[in-house]
Amino acid sequence: MPDDEHPPTTERELAFVEDFALAMERLGLVRMTGRVIGWLLICDPPEQTFAQIADALQASKGSISTALKFLTTAGWAQRRSRPGDRKDYYSIKTGAMVDLIRQQSVQYAGFADFLGKSLDELDAPQRTGRLQEMHELFDWIGREMPALVARWDREHPRSSG
């Protein structure tokens, strides 16, 4: 079987990819981006060419290209080349999701700071109860998330690669 070919994607694999994409869409991602992530999580071999991904997902080159550009720019997927091979190979980046959570925890803390300053500036406790509650939540998340990520790192050391 040539490098760009692989066994046909099974119905179970396609169902997983679609369900994964729908879950990612509920979290705010474009559905095709979710499909590509889902495929890269289960594909064999774990590094796939552009053509293999498009073929497996039965999707247009344009939609795959857009998804891969987003995923590589965001650091969720990586693109590699091989000596003597003109094709690029894509795979899920090890630790990508914990890196995302680590980045989000910084954003939560920053949002909590913004909310705290806003509470000080508005200085109207009778009208800012909802804002106060949101501030307390994001302040708490901003403090707790780094500890959770550190615990994850201790319990799940990253493999090289």
N, C-alpha and C. Protein backbone atom coordinates (compact mmCIF):
# COMPACT_ATOMS: atom_id res chain seq x y z
N MET A 1 0.85 -1.18 0.00
CA MET A 1 0.00 0.00 0.00
C MET A 1 0.89 1.24 0.00
N PRO A 2 0.72 2.19 -0.92
CA PRO A 2 1.54 3.41 -0.95
C PRO A 2 1.40 4.20 0.34
N ASP A 3 2.40 5.09 0.58
CA ASP A 3 2.45 5.87 1.82
C ASP A 3 1.18 6.67 2.10
N ASP A 4 0.56 7.22 1.06
CA ASP A 4 -0.60 8.07 1.28
C ASP A 4 -1.89 7.29 1.41
N GLU A 5 -1.82 5.97 1.32
CA GLU A 5 -3.03 5.17 1.46
C GLU A 5 -3.02 4.47 2.80
N HIS A 6 -4.18 4.17 3.29
CA HIS A 6 -4.34 3.43 4.53
C HIS A 6 -5.65 2.65 4.43
N PRO A 7 -5.86 1.70 5.31
CA PRO A 7 -7.14 0.99 5.26
C PRO A 7 -8.28 1.98 5.39
N PRO A 8 -9.41 1.68 4.78
CA PRO A 8 -10.55 2.60 4.87
C PRO A 8 -10.92 2.87 6.34
N THR A 9 -11.34 4.08 6.59
CA THR A 9 -11.78 4.46 7.93
C THR A 9 -13.05 3.67 8.24
N THR A 10 -13.11 3.07 9.41
CA THR A 10 -14.27 2.26 9.77
C THR A 10 -15.44 3.16 10.22
N GLU A 11 -16.61 2.57 10.24
CA GLU A 11 -17.79 3.30 10.70
C GLU A 11 -17.62 3.71 12.16
N ARG A 12 -17.04 2.84 12.97
CA ARG A 12 -16.82 3.17 14.39
C ARG A 12 -15.87 4.36 14.52
N GLU A 13 -14.80 4.37 13.72
CA GLU A 13 -13.86 5.48 13.76
C GLU A 13 -14.53 6.78 13.33
N LEU A 14 -15.29 6.71 12.24
CA LEU A 14 -16.00 7.91 11.78
C LEU A 14 -17.01 8.40 12.81
N ALA A 15 -17.68 7.47 13.48
CA ALA A 15 -18.65 7.85 14.52
C ALA A 15 -17.93 8.55 15.68
N PHE A 16 -16.77 8.00 16.09
CA PHE A 16 -16.01 8.64 17.16
C PHE A 16 -15.59 10.04 16.73
N VAL A 17 -15.04 10.14 15.53
CA VAL A 17 -14.55 11.44 15.03
C VAL A 17 -15.69 12.45 15.02
N GLU A 18 -16.86 12.05 14.55
CA GLU A 18 -17.99 12.97 14.50
C GLU A 18 -18.46 13.36 15.90
N ASP A 19 -18.57 12.39 16.80
CA ASP A 19 -18.97 12.70 18.17
C ASP A 19 -17.95 13.61 18.85
N PHE A 20 -16.67 13.34 18.61
CA PHE A 20 -15.62 14.18 19.18
C PHE A 20 -15.74 15.60 18.63
N ALA A 21 -15.97 15.71 17.32
CA ALA A 21 -16.10 17.03 16.69
C ALA A 21 -17.29 17.80 17.26
N LEU A 22 -18.39 17.12 17.50
CA LEU A 22 -19.56 17.78 18.08
C LEU A 22 -19.26 18.26 19.51
N ALA A 23 -18.53 17.44 20.27
CA ALA A 23 -18.15 17.86 21.62
C ALA A 23 -17.23 19.09 21.56
N MET A 24 -16.30 19.10 20.63
CA MET A 24 -15.39 20.24 20.48
C MET A 24 -16.15 21.48 20.01
N GLU A 25 -17.15 21.27 19.16
CA GLU A 25 -17.96 22.38 18.69
C GLU A 25 -18.71 23.02 19.86
N ARG A 26 -19.19 22.20 20.78
CA ARG A 26 -19.87 22.74 21.97
C ARG A 26 -18.90 23.56 22.82
N LEU A 27 -17.60 23.26 22.72
CA LEU A 27 -16.59 24.03 23.45
C LEU A 27 -16.11 25.25 22.67
N GLY A 28 -16.65 25.45 21.45
CA GLY A 28 -16.34 26.66 20.70
C GLY A 28 -15.46 26.47 19.48
N LEU A 29 -15.03 25.25 19.19
CA LEU A 29 -14.20 25.04 18.00
C LEU A 29 -15.07 24.80 16.76
N VAL A 30 -14.50 25.05 15.61
CA VAL A 30 -15.15 24.73 14.36
C VAL A 30 -15.21 23.21 14.24
N ARG A 31 -16.31 22.69 13.75
CA ARG A 31 -16.52 21.25 13.72
C ARG A 31 -15.41 20.51 12.96
N MET A 32 -14.96 21.03 11.82
CA MET A 32 -13.92 20.33 11.06
C MET A 32 -12.62 20.28 11.85
N THR A 33 -12.32 21.31 12.61
CA THR A 33 -11.14 21.28 13.46
C THR A 33 -11.26 20.16 14.48
N GLY A 34 -12.44 19.99 15.04
CA GLY A 34 -12.69 18.89 15.96
C GLY A 34 -12.54 17.54 15.28
N ARG A 35 -12.98 17.45 14.04
CA ARG A 35 -12.83 16.19 13.30
C ARG A 35 -11.36 15.84 13.11
N VAL A 36 -10.58 16.84 12.74
CA VAL A 36 -9.15 16.59 12.52
C VAL A 36 -8.48 16.17 13.82
N ILE A 37 -8.79 16.85 14.92
CA ILE A 37 -8.22 16.45 16.21
C ILE A 37 -8.64 15.02 16.54
N GLY A 38 -9.93 14.74 16.39
CA GLY A 38 -10.43 13.40 16.68
C GLY A 38 -9.70 12.35 15.87
N TRP A 39 -9.50 12.60 14.59
CA TRP A 39 -8.80 11.64 13.74
C TRP A 39 -7.35 11.47 14.19
N LEU A 40 -6.68 12.57 14.45
CA LEU A 40 -5.28 12.48 14.86
C LEU A 40 -5.11 11.78 16.21
N LEU A 41 -6.14 11.76 17.00
CA LEU A 41 -6.08 11.05 18.28
C LEU A 41 -6.13 9.53 18.11
N ILE A 42 -6.76 9.05 17.03
CA ILE A 42 -6.96 7.60 16.90
C ILE A 42 -6.31 6.99 15.67
N CYS A 43 -5.75 7.79 14.78
CA CYS A 43 -5.25 7.25 13.52
C CYS A 43 -4.01 6.39 13.71
N ASP A 44 -3.81 5.50 12.74
CA ASP A 44 -2.64 4.64 12.73
C ASP A 44 -2.12 4.60 11.30
N PRO A 45 -0.92 5.08 11.08
CA PRO A 45 0.06 5.53 12.04
C PRO A 45 -0.32 6.90 12.63
N PRO A 46 0.30 7.26 13.76
CA PRO A 46 -0.07 8.50 14.44
C PRO A 46 0.33 9.76 13.69
N GLU A 47 1.24 9.67 12.75
CA GLU A 47 1.58 10.80 11.88
C GLU A 47 0.92 10.57 10.54
N GLN A 48 0.16 11.55 10.07
CA GLN A 48 -0.61 11.43 8.84
C GLN A 48 -0.26 12.56 7.88
N THR A 49 -0.25 12.23 6.60
CA THR A 49 -0.08 13.27 5.60
C THR A 49 -1.41 14.01 5.43
N PHE A 50 -1.32 15.16 4.79
CA PHE A 50 -2.52 15.93 4.46
C PHE A 50 -3.50 15.06 3.69
N ALA A 51 -3.00 14.34 2.70
CA ALA A 51 -3.86 13.50 1.87
C ALA A 51 -4.52 12.38 2.69
N GLN A 52 -3.78 11.80 3.60
CA GLN A 52 -4.36 10.74 4.44
C GLN A 52 -5.49 11.28 5.31
N ILE A 53 -5.29 12.46 5.86
CA ILE A 53 -6.32 13.06 6.71
C ILE A 53 -7.56 13.38 5.89
N ALA A 54 -7.36 14.01 4.73
CA ALA A 54 -8.49 14.36 3.87
C ALA A 54 -9.24 13.11 3.42
N ASP A 55 -8.50 12.07 3.07
CA ASP A 55 -9.12 10.82 2.63
C ASP A 55 -9.90 10.16 3.77
N ALA A 56 -9.29 10.08 4.92
CA ALA A 56 -9.94 9.42 6.07
C ALA A 56 -11.23 10.14 6.46
N LEU A 57 -11.19 11.46 6.43
CA LEU A 57 -12.35 12.25 6.86
C LEU A 57 -13.30 12.57 5.72
N GLN A 58 -12.93 12.19 4.51
CA GLN A 58 -13.75 12.45 3.33
C GLN A 58 -14.17 13.92 3.29
N ALA A 59 -13.17 14.77 3.42
CA ALA A 59 -13.43 16.21 3.51
C ALA A 59 -12.65 16.96 2.44
N SER A 60 -13.06 18.17 2.19
CA SER A 60 -12.41 18.99 1.17
C SER A 60 -11.01 19.41 1.62
N LYS A 61 -10.16 19.63 0.64
CA LYS A 61 -8.79 20.06 0.94
C LYS A 61 -8.80 21.41 1.66
N GLY A 62 -9.71 22.28 1.27
CA GLY A 62 -9.77 23.60 1.89
C GLY A 62 -10.11 23.53 3.38
N SER A 63 -11.08 22.69 3.72
CA SER A 63 -11.47 22.60 5.14
C SER A 63 -10.38 21.93 5.97
N ILE A 64 -9.71 20.93 5.40
CA ILE A 64 -8.60 20.28 6.11
C ILE A 64 -7.45 21.27 6.28
N SER A 65 -7.15 22.01 5.24
CA SER A 65 -6.06 22.99 5.30
C SER A 65 -6.31 24.03 6.39
N THR A 66 -7.53 24.54 6.44
CA THR A 66 -7.88 25.54 7.45
C THR A 66 -7.74 24.96 8.86
N ALA A 67 -8.24 23.74 9.04
CA ALA A 67 -8.16 23.10 10.36
C ALA A 67 -6.71 22.85 10.77
N LEU A 68 -5.90 22.34 9.85
CA LEU A 68 -4.50 22.06 10.18
C LEU A 68 -3.72 23.34 10.45
N LYS A 69 -4.02 24.39 9.72
CA LYS A 69 -3.34 25.67 9.97
C LYS A 69 -3.67 26.16 11.38
N PHE A 70 -4.94 26.08 11.75
CA PHE A 70 -5.33 26.49 13.11
C PHE A 70 -4.62 25.63 14.16
N LEU A 71 -4.67 24.31 13.97
CA LEU A 71 -4.12 23.39 14.97
C LEU A 71 -2.61 23.53 15.12
N THR A 72 -1.89 23.74 14.03
CA THR A 72 -0.44 23.90 14.14
C THR A 72 -0.10 25.26 14.74
N THR A 73 -0.82 26.30 14.37
CA THR A 73 -0.58 27.63 14.94
C THR A 73 -0.89 27.64 16.43
N ALA A 74 -1.96 26.96 16.82
CA ALA A 74 -2.35 26.90 18.23
C ALA A 74 -1.44 25.99 19.05
N GLY A 75 -0.65 25.17 18.38
CA GLY A 75 0.26 24.27 19.09
C GLY A 75 -0.38 22.96 19.51
N TRP A 76 -1.55 22.65 18.97
CA TRP A 76 -2.21 21.39 19.29
C TRP A 76 -1.72 20.25 18.42
N ALA A 77 -1.31 20.60 17.21
CA ALA A 77 -0.77 19.60 16.28
C ALA A 77 0.60 20.08 15.83
N GLN A 78 1.40 19.13 15.41
CA GLN A 78 2.70 19.50 14.88
C GLN A 78 2.86 18.95 13.47
N ARG A 79 3.64 19.67 12.70
CA ARG A 79 3.92 19.29 11.32
C ARG A 79 5.40 18.96 11.23
N ARG A 80 5.68 17.80 10.68
CA ARG A 80 7.07 17.37 10.53
C ARG A 80 7.32 16.92 9.11
N SER A 81 8.56 17.03 8.72
CA SER A 81 8.96 16.49 7.42
C SER A 81 9.95 15.36 7.68
N ARG A 82 10.17 14.57 6.65
CA ARG A 82 11.11 13.47 6.75
C ARG A 82 12.17 13.64 5.66
N PRO A 83 13.42 13.34 5.98
CA PRO A 83 14.47 13.48 4.97
C PRO A 83 14.12 12.68 3.71
N GLY A 84 14.27 13.32 2.55
CA GLY A 84 14.00 12.67 1.28
C GLY A 84 12.54 12.54 0.93
N ASP A 85 11.65 13.09 1.73
CA ASP A 85 10.20 13.01 1.50
C ASP A 85 9.66 14.43 1.41
N ARG A 86 8.93 14.73 0.37
CA ARG A 86 8.43 16.10 0.18
C ARG A 86 7.12 16.35 0.93
N LYS A 87 6.54 15.30 1.51
CA LYS A 87 5.28 15.45 2.22
C LYS A 87 5.51 15.92 3.66
N ASP A 88 4.51 16.59 4.20
CA ASP A 88 4.50 16.94 5.61
C ASP A 88 3.63 15.93 6.34
N TYR A 89 3.98 15.66 7.59
CA TYR A 89 3.24 14.71 8.42
C TYR A 89 2.73 15.44 9.65
N TYR A 90 1.47 15.21 9.97
CA TYR A 90 0.81 15.89 11.07
C TYR A 90 0.49 14.89 12.18
N SER A 91 0.62 15.35 13.41
CA SER A 91 0.26 14.53 14.56
C SER A 91 -0.15 15.45 15.71
N ILE A 92 -0.82 14.86 16.68
CA ILE A 92 -1.18 15.60 17.90
C ILE A 92 0.10 15.85 18.68
N LYS A 93 0.27 17.05 19.16
CA LYS A 93 1.45 17.41 19.95
C LYS A 93 1.29 16.85 21.36
N THR A 94 2.29 16.14 21.83
CA THR A 94 2.26 15.62 23.20
C THR A 94 2.12 16.78 24.18
N GLY A 95 1.19 16.64 25.10
CA GLY A 95 0.99 17.66 26.13
C GLY A 95 0.22 18.89 25.67
N ALA A 96 -0.36 18.85 24.47
CA ALA A 96 -1.03 20.05 23.95
C ALA A 96 -2.19 20.51 24.83
N MET A 97 -2.98 19.59 25.34
CA MET A 97 -4.15 19.99 26.12
C MET A 97 -3.75 20.56 27.48
N VAL A 98 -2.75 19.98 28.12
CA VAL A 98 -2.33 20.55 29.41
C VAL A 98 -1.69 21.92 29.19
N ASP A 99 -1.01 22.11 28.06
CA ASP A 99 -0.46 23.43 27.74
C ASP A 99 -1.60 24.44 27.55
N LEU A 100 -2.67 24.01 26.90
CA LEU A 100 -3.83 24.88 26.72
C LEU A 100 -4.43 25.27 28.06
N ILE A 101 -4.58 24.31 28.94
CA ILE A 101 -5.14 24.60 30.27
C ILE A 101 -4.21 25.53 31.05
N ARG A 102 -2.92 25.33 30.93
CA ARG A 102 -1.95 26.20 31.59
C ARG A 102 -2.11 27.64 31.08
N GLN A 103 -2.27 27.81 29.77
CA GLN A 103 -2.46 29.14 29.19
C GLN A 103 -3.78 29.75 29.66
N GLN A 104 -4.82 28.91 29.72
CA GLN A 104 -6.12 29.42 30.16
C GLN A 104 -6.08 29.88 31.61
N SER A 105 -5.30 29.19 32.44
CA SER A 105 -5.27 29.59 33.85
C SER A 105 -4.69 30.99 34.00
N VAL A 106 -3.74 31.34 33.15
CA VAL A 106 -3.20 32.70 33.16
C VAL A 106 -4.29 33.69 32.74
N GLN A 107 -5.08 33.30 31.75
CA GLN A 107 -6.17 34.17 31.30
C GLN A 107 -7.25 34.32 32.38
N TYR A 108 -7.54 33.26 33.13
CA TYR A 108 -8.51 33.36 34.21
C TYR A 108 -8.03 34.35 35.27
N ALA A 109 -6.76 34.25 35.62
CA ALA A 109 -6.20 35.18 36.61
C ALA A 109 -6.27 36.61 36.10
N GLY A 110 -5.95 36.81 34.84
CA GLY A 110 -6.03 38.15 34.25
C GLY A 110 -7.44 38.69 34.23
N PHE A 111 -8.40 37.83 33.94
CA PHE A 111 -9.80 38.24 33.94
C PHE A 111 -10.25 38.58 35.35
N ALA A 112 -9.80 37.81 36.33
CA ALA A 112 -10.13 38.10 37.73
C ALA A 112 -9.56 39.47 38.13
N ASP A 113 -8.35 39.77 37.67
CA ASP A 113 -7.77 41.09 37.97
C ASP A 113 -8.62 42.20 37.37
N PHE A 114 -9.04 42.02 36.11
CA PHE A 114 -9.90 43.00 35.46
C PHE A 114 -11.19 43.20 36.25
N LEU A 115 -11.82 42.08 36.66
CA LEU A 115 -13.07 42.17 37.41
C LEU A 115 -12.86 42.86 38.76
N GLY A 116 -11.74 42.56 39.42
CA GLY A 116 -11.44 43.20 40.71
C GLY A 116 -11.28 44.71 40.56
N LYS A 117 -10.57 45.14 39.53
CA LYS A 117 -10.39 46.58 39.28
C LYS A 117 -11.73 47.22 38.95
N SER A 118 -12.55 46.50 38.21
CA SER A 118 -13.87 47.03 37.85
C SER A 118 -14.74 47.21 39.09
N LEU A 119 -14.67 46.25 40.01
CA LEU A 119 -15.43 46.37 41.25
C LEU A 119 -14.98 47.60 42.04
N ASP A 120 -13.67 47.81 42.10
CA ASP A 120 -13.14 48.98 42.81
C ASP A 120 -13.61 50.28 42.16
N GLU A 121 -13.59 50.33 40.85
CA GLU A 121 -13.96 51.55 40.13
C GLU A 121 -15.46 51.83 40.20
N LEU A 122 -16.25 50.77 40.15
CA LEU A 122 -17.70 50.97 40.19
C LEU A 122 -18.18 51.34 41.58
N ASP A 123 -17.56 50.78 42.61
CA ASP A 123 -17.84 51.13 44.01
C ASP A 123 -19.34 51.29 44.29
N ALA A 124 -20.11 50.29 43.89
CA ALA A 124 -21.55 50.31 44.12
C ALA A 124 -21.98 48.90 44.53
N PRO A 125 -21.67 48.48 45.78
CA PRO A 125 -21.94 47.11 46.20
C PRO A 125 -23.38 46.66 45.99
N GLN A 126 -24.34 47.57 46.12
CA GLN A 126 -25.73 47.18 45.95
C GLN A 126 -26.04 46.79 44.51
N ARG A 127 -25.18 47.20 43.55
CA ARG A 127 -25.45 46.90 42.14
C ARG A 127 -24.43 45.94 41.53
N THR A 128 -23.43 45.52 42.28
CA THR A 128 -22.36 44.71 41.69
C THR A 128 -22.27 43.31 42.29
N GLY A 129 -23.32 42.82 42.89
CA GLY A 129 -23.31 41.49 43.49
C GLY A 129 -22.97 40.39 42.49
N ARG A 130 -23.58 40.47 41.32
CA ARG A 130 -23.30 39.45 40.30
C ARG A 130 -21.85 39.54 39.83
N LEU A 131 -21.37 40.75 39.69
CA LEU A 131 -19.97 40.97 39.29
C LEU A 131 -19.02 40.45 40.36
N GLN A 132 -19.36 40.66 41.62
CA GLN A 132 -18.55 40.18 42.74
C GLN A 132 -18.44 38.65 42.70
N GLU A 133 -19.59 38.00 42.48
CA GLU A 133 -19.58 36.54 42.42
C GLU A 133 -18.70 36.04 41.27
N MET A 134 -18.80 36.70 40.11
CA MET A 134 -17.97 36.29 38.98
C MET A 134 -16.49 36.51 39.30
N HIS A 135 -16.17 37.63 39.94
CA HIS A 135 -14.79 37.91 40.33
C HIS A 135 -14.26 36.82 41.26
N GLU A 136 -15.04 36.46 42.25
CA GLU A 136 -14.61 35.42 43.20
C GLU A 136 -14.37 34.09 42.50
N LEU A 137 -15.24 33.74 41.55
CA LEU A 137 -15.08 32.49 40.81
C LEU A 137 -13.78 32.49 40.00
N PHE A 138 -13.58 33.53 39.20
CA PHE A 138 -12.38 33.57 38.35
C PHE A 138 -11.11 33.75 39.16
N ASP A 139 -11.18 34.45 40.27
CA ASP A 139 -10.02 34.55 41.16
C ASP A 139 -9.67 33.17 41.71
N TRP A 140 -10.67 32.42 42.11
CA TRP A 140 -10.45 31.07 42.64
C TRP A 140 -9.88 30.15 41.57
N ILE A 141 -10.48 30.17 40.37
CA ILE A 141 -9.98 29.34 39.28
C ILE A 141 -8.54 29.73 38.94
N GLY A 142 -8.26 31.01 38.89
CA GLY A 142 -6.90 31.48 38.58
C GLY A 142 -5.88 31.04 39.61
N ARG A 143 -6.29 30.86 40.86
CA ARG A 143 -5.37 30.37 41.89
C ARG A 143 -5.27 28.85 41.90
N GLU A 144 -6.36 28.16 41.65
CA GLU A 144 -6.39 26.70 41.75
C GLU A 144 -5.86 25.98 40.52
N MET A 145 -6.10 26.54 39.34
CA MET A 145 -5.73 25.85 38.10
C MET A 145 -4.22 25.56 38.02
N PRO A 146 -3.34 26.50 38.35
CA PRO A 146 -1.91 26.17 38.29
C PRO A 146 -1.54 25.00 39.20
N ALA A 147 -2.17 24.91 40.35
CA ALA A 147 -1.89 23.79 41.26
C ALA A 147 -2.37 22.47 40.65
N LEU A 148 -3.51 22.48 39.98
CA LEU A 148 -4.00 21.27 39.33
C LEU A 148 -3.07 20.84 38.19
N VAL A 149 -2.62 21.80 37.41
CA VAL A 149 -1.71 21.48 36.31
C VAL A 149 -0.38 20.95 36.84
N ALA A 150 0.11 21.55 37.90
CA ALA A 150 1.37 21.07 38.51
C ALA A 150 1.20 19.65 39.02
N ARG A 151 0.06 19.37 39.61
CA ARG A 151 -0.21 18.00 40.08
C ARG A 151 -0.27 17.03 38.91
N TRP A 152 -0.94 17.43 37.84
CA TRP A 152 -1.00 16.60 36.64
C TRP A 152 0.42 16.31 36.13
N ASP A 153 1.23 17.36 36.04
CA ASP A 153 2.61 17.19 35.56
C ASP A 153 3.39 16.19 36.42
N ARG A 154 3.19 16.25 37.74
CA ARG A 154 3.88 15.31 38.63
C ARG A 154 3.40 13.89 38.42
N GLU A 155 2.10 13.72 38.25
CA GLU A 155 1.51 12.39 38.13
C GLU A 155 1.59 11.79 36.73
N HIS A 156 1.80 12.64 35.73
CA HIS A 156 1.81 12.19 34.32
C HIS A 156 2.98 12.84 33.59
N PRO A 157 4.20 12.42 33.88
CA PRO A 157 5.34 13.01 33.19
C PRO A 157 5.19 12.82 31.67
N ARG A 158 5.55 13.87 30.94
CA ARG A 158 5.45 13.82 29.47
C ARG A 158 6.50 12.91 28.90
N SER A 159 6.08 12.17 27.89
CA SER A 159 7.08 11.40 27.14
C SER A 159 7.74 12.35 26.16
N SER A 160 8.96 12.07 25.81
CA SER A 160 9.65 12.94 24.86
C SER A 160 9.02 12.77 23.50
N GLY A 161 8.93 13.86 22.78
CA GLY A 161 8.42 13.75 21.42
C GLY A 161 7.35 14.68 21.20
